[in-house]
C-alpha atoms as a PDB file:
ATOM      1  CA  MET A   1      -6.297   4.383 -12.610  1.00  0.00           C
ATOM      2  CA  LEU A   2      -3.386   1.887 -12.484  1.00  0.00           C
ATOM      3  CA  PRO A   3      -3.888  -1.750 -11.288  1.00  0.00           C
ATOM      4  CA  ASN A   4      -2.105  -3.113  -8.274  1.00  0.00           C
ATOM      5  CA  THR A   5       1.610  -3.057  -9.272  1.00  0.00           C
ATOM      6  CA  SER A   6       3.264  -4.847  -6.367  1.00  0.00           C
ATOM      7  CA  TRP A   7       3.836  -7.835  -8.515  1.00  0.00           C
ATOM      8  CA  LEU A   8       6.000  -5.811 -10.918  1.00  0.00           C
ATOM      9  CA  LYS A   9       8.939  -5.772  -8.615  1.00  0.00           C
ATOM     10  CA  ASP A  10       9.784  -9.210  -9.472  1.00  0.00           C
ATOM     11  CA  LEU A  11       9.596  -8.818 -13.278  1.00  0.00           C
ATOM     12  CA  ALA A  12      12.788  -8.850 -15.325  1.00  0.00           C
ATOM     13  CA  ILE A  13      12.231  -6.390 -18.102  1.00  0.00           C
ATOM     14  CA  SER A  14      14.771  -5.839 -20.876  1.00  0.00           C
ATOM     15  CA  GLU A  15      15.071  -2.657 -22.937  1.00  0.00           C
ATOM     16  CA  THR A  16      14.315  -4.795 -25.992  1.00  0.00           C
ATOM     17  CA  GLY A  17      10.865  -5.799 -24.666  1.00  0.00           C
ATOM     18  CA  LEU A  18      11.573  -9.300 -23.279  1.00  0.00           C
ATOM     19  CA  ILE A  19       9.790  -9.673 -19.932  1.00  0.00           C
ATOM     20  CA  PHE A  20      10.194 -12.615 -17.548  1.00  0.00           C
ATOM     21  CA  ASP A  21       7.791 -13.269 -14.636  1.00  0.00           C
ATOM     22  CA  PRO A  22       9.725 -15.546 -12.191  1.00  0.00           C
ATOM     23  CA  SER A  23       6.583 -16.310 -10.255  1.00  0.00           C
ATOM     24  CA  THR A  24       4.996 -18.054 -13.179  1.00  0.00           C
ATOM     25  CA  GLY A  25       7.866 -18.746 -15.416  1.00  0.00           C
ATOM     26  CA  SER A  26       6.025 -16.830 -18.145  1.00  0.00           C
ATOM     27  CA  ILE A  27       7.915 -14.938 -20.870  1.00  0.00           C
ATOM     28  CA  PHE A  28       6.274 -11.983 -22.619  1.00  0.00           C
ATOM     29  CA  THR A  29       7.246  -9.372 -25.098  1.00  0.00           C
ATOM     30  CA  ALA A  30       6.238  -5.739 -25.173  1.00  0.00           C
ATOM     31  CA  ASN A  31       6.867  -2.926 -27.668  1.00  0.00           C
ATOM     32  CA  THR A  32       8.899   0.180 -26.644  1.00  0.00           C
ATOM     33  CA  THR A  33       5.723   1.915 -25.326  1.00  0.00           C
ATOM     34  CA  GLY A  34       4.800  -1.124 -23.271  1.00  0.00           C
ATOM     35  CA  VAL A  35       8.320  -1.363 -21.839  1.00  0.00           C
ATOM     36  CA  GLN A  36       8.240   2.313 -20.820  1.00  0.00           C
ATOM     37  CA  ILE A  37       4.821   1.937 -19.199  1.00  0.00           C
ATOM     38  CA  LEU A  38       5.866  -1.258 -17.260  1.00  0.00           C
ATOM     39  CA  MET A  39       9.211   0.360 -16.112  1.00  0.00           C
ATOM     40  CA  ALA A  40       7.365   3.470 -15.018  1.00  0.00           C
ATOM     41  CA  MET A  41       4.770   1.415 -13.110  1.00  0.00           C
ATOM     42  CA  LYS A  42       7.569  -0.698 -11.546  1.00  0.00           C
ATOM     43  CA  GLU A  43       9.244   2.641 -10.429  1.00  0.00           C
ATOM     44  CA  GLY A  44       5.942   3.533  -8.694  1.00  0.00           C
ATOM     45  CA  LYS A  45       4.974   6.419 -11.026  1.00  0.00           C
ATOM     46  CA  ASP A  46       1.330   7.440 -11.249  1.00  0.00           C
ATOM     47  CA  ALA A  47      -0.841   7.554 -14.357  1.00  0.00           C
ATOM     48  CA  ALA A  48      -0.135  11.282 -14.866  1.00  0.00           C
ATOM     49  CA  GLN A  49       3.597  10.782 -14.679  1.00  0.00           C
ATOM     50  CA  ILE A  50       3.461   7.886 -17.095  1.00  0.00           C
ATOM     51  CA  LYS A  51       1.354   9.843 -19.564  1.00  0.00           C
ATOM     52  CA  ALA A  52       3.850  12.782 -19.299  1.00  0.00           C
ATOM     53  CA  SER A  53       6.787  10.501 -20.053  1.00  0.00           C
ATOM     54  CA  LEU A  54       5.023   8.984 -23.137  1.00  0.00           C
ATOM     55  CA  VAL A  55       4.161  12.430 -24.413  1.00  0.00           C
ATOM     56  CA  GLU A  56       7.818  13.638 -23.983  1.00  0.00           C
ATOM     57  CA  GLU A  57       9.550  10.358 -25.188  1.00  0.00           C
ATOM     58  CA  PHE A  58       7.329   9.558 -28.274  1.00  0.00           C
ATOM     59  CA  GLU A  59       6.205  13.150 -29.105  1.00  0.00           C
ATOM     60  CA  VAL A  60       2.532  12.179 -29.079  1.00  0.00           C
ATOM     61  CA  ASP A  61      -0.345  14.310 -27.676  1.00  0.00           C
ATOM     62  CA  ALA A  62      -1.685  13.624 -24.286  1.00  0.00           C
ATOM     63  CA  ASN A  63      -4.944  11.964 -25.462  1.00  0.00           C
ATOM     64  CA  LYS A  64      -2.972   9.503 -27.672  1.00  0.00           C
ATOM     65  CA  ALA A  65      -0.695   8.723 -24.719  1.00  0.00           C
ATOM     66  CA  GLU A  66      -3.716   8.153 -22.385  1.00  0.00           C
ATOM     67  CA  ILE A  67      -5.191   5.752 -25.074  1.00  0.00           C
ATOM     68  CA  ASP A  68      -1.931   3.883 -25.332  1.00  0.00           C
ATOM     69  CA  ILE A  69      -1.792   3.408 -21.582  1.00  0.00           C
ATOM     70  CA  GLN A  70      -5.261   2.238 -21.249  1.00  0.00           C
ATOM     71  CA  ASP A  71      -4.949  -0.197 -24.216  1.00  0.00           C
ATOM     72  CA  PHE A  72      -1.653  -1.578 -22.600  1.00  0.00           C
ATOM     73  CA  LEU A  73      -3.344  -2.070 -19.235  1.00  0.00           C
ATOM     74  CA  ASN A  74      -6.246  -3.739 -20.815  1.00  0.00           C
ATOM     75  CA  GLN A  75      -4.000  -6.194 -22.575  1.00  0.00           C
ATOM     76  CA  LEU A  76      -1.915  -6.788 -19.451  1.00  0.00           C
ATOM     77  CA  THR A  77      -5.016  -7.586 -17.308  1.00  0.00           C
ATOM     78  CA  THR A  78      -6.461  -9.776 -20.083  1.00  0.00           C
ATOM     79  CA  SER A  79      -3.136 -11.645 -20.396  1.00  0.00           C
ATOM     80  CA  CYS A  80      -2.442 -11.849 -16.758  1.00  0.00           C
ATOM     81  CA  PRO A  81      -5.809 -11.855 -14.840  1.00  0.00           C
ATOM     82  CA  GLU A  82      -4.233 -13.133 -11.713  1.00  0.00           C
ATOM     83  CA  LYS A  83      -2.228  -9.947 -11.484  1.00  0.00           C
ATOM     84  CA  LYS A  84      -5.165  -7.584 -11.351  1.00  0.00           C
END
């Protein structure tokens, strides 16, 4: 299950992984997988769609993609608890 994503609309996300949150002034970086997950969440895709895109883009199995998504979401909510 994906967390509340309404705050993602304000994020500036570069293809190279630089992420700027104008509401806090914070700057973060993410790897290619993280950028793809954030962009998909920002576009309103659900967990199944995000998993499918990771499987296709990175040629990983569905279990690996699911683990990567969960790991990224755990890091996101740990780094930005106010965004839960």
